[in-house]
Amino acid sequence: MRAIKLLIGAVGCAAVALGALWLLQGVGALHIRPILCFADCAPVQGASTSWAVAGLLLAACGTIAIIYAARR
């Protein structure tokens, strides 16, 4: 059971980091150039409400996973 909680906590940390990235990109506070493109690769211009909401939800779920994993 301890290994499962450790795995849940690690996934939660990754979810919080990715959610924060999506949130910052969604509100327009962070701009990252595309790294690998297979077709017409154009960077996203401006803020995106859908990415901000998705990032907020993913970060919240990751926080819940970390809290669950930290409980005894």
Protein backbone atom coordinates (compact mmCIF):
# COMPACT_ATOMS: atom_id res chain seq x y z
CA MET A 1 0.00 0.00 0.00
CA ARG A 2 2.88 2.35 0.73
CA ALA A 3 4.29 1.91 -2.79
CA ILE A 4 0.91 2.70 -4.31
CA LYS A 5 0.65 5.91 -2.27
CA LEU A 6 4.18 6.85 -3.32
CA LEU A 7 3.22 6.34 -6.97
CA ILE A 8 0.04 8.39 -6.51
CA GLY A 9 2.08 11.17 -4.92
CA ALA A 10 4.60 11.15 -7.78
CA VAL A 11 1.83 11.29 -10.39
CA GLY A 12 0.24 14.10 -8.37
CA CYS A 13 3.48 16.10 -8.45
CA ALA A 14 3.74 15.68 -12.22
CA ALA A 15 0.08 16.69 -12.60
CA VAL A 16 0.59 19.85 -10.54
CA ALA A 17 3.66 20.82 -12.60
CA LEU A 18 1.93 20.20 -15.93
CA GLY A 19 -1.26 21.89 -14.75
CA ALA A 20 0.70 24.95 -13.65
CA LEU A 21 2.39 25.09 -17.05
CA TRP A 22 -0.95 24.87 -18.88
CA LEU A 23 -2.46 27.49 -16.56
CA LEU A 24 0.39 29.94 -17.09
CA GLN A 25 0.27 29.45 -20.85
CA GLY A 26 -3.52 29.75 -20.82
CA VAL A 27 -3.53 33.11 -19.07
CA GLY A 28 -0.73 34.37 -21.32
CA ALA A 29 1.92 34.69 -18.59
CA LEU A 30 4.30 32.17 -20.18
CA HIS A 31 5.27 31.67 -23.82
CA ILE A 32 7.22 28.60 -24.92
CA ARG A 33 8.26 28.01 -28.50
CA PRO A 34 7.29 24.63 -29.99
CA ILE A 35 10.09 22.08 -29.62
CA LEU A 36 9.18 19.42 -32.16
CA CYS A 37 6.89 19.96 -35.12
CA PHE A 38 5.64 17.48 -37.70
CA ALA A 39 3.52 19.79 -39.83
CA ASP A 40 2.84 23.52 -40.02
CA CYS A 41 4.11 24.61 -36.62
CA ALA A 42 2.81 27.95 -35.42
CA PRO A 43 3.02 29.07 -31.80
CA VAL A 44 -0.23 29.81 -30.01
CA GLN A 45 -0.86 33.54 -29.87
CA GLY A 46 -2.56 35.11 -26.88
CA ALA A 47 -4.39 33.69 -23.91
CA SER A 48 -6.69 30.67 -24.04
CA THR A 49 -9.45 30.22 -21.49
CA SER A 50 -9.80 26.50 -22.22
CA TRP A 51 -6.11 25.81 -21.49
CA ALA A 52 -6.26 27.92 -18.33
CA VAL A 53 -9.27 25.96 -17.05
CA ALA A 54 -7.70 22.62 -18.01
CA GLY A 55 -4.50 23.58 -16.21
CA LEU A 56 -6.37 24.67 -13.11
CA LEU A 57 -8.35 21.42 -12.99
CA LEU A 58 -5.24 19.27 -13.53
CA ALA A 59 -3.31 21.14 -10.84
CA ALA A 60 -6.24 20.74 -8.44
CA CYS A 61 -6.47 17.00 -9.12
CA GLY A 62 -2.71 16.69 -8.62
CA THR A 63 -2.96 18.53 -5.31
CA ILE A 64 -5.72 16.19 -4.18
CA ALA A 65 -3.57 13.19 -5.15
CA ILE A 66 -0.63 14.54 -3.15
CA ILE A 67 -2.81 15.15 -0.11
CA TYR A 68 -4.26 11.64 -0.38
CA ALA A 69 -0.78 10.12 -0.68
CA ALA A 70 0.52 12.11 2.30
CA ARG A 71 -2.25 10.92 4.62
CA ARG A 72 -1.53 7.93 6.81
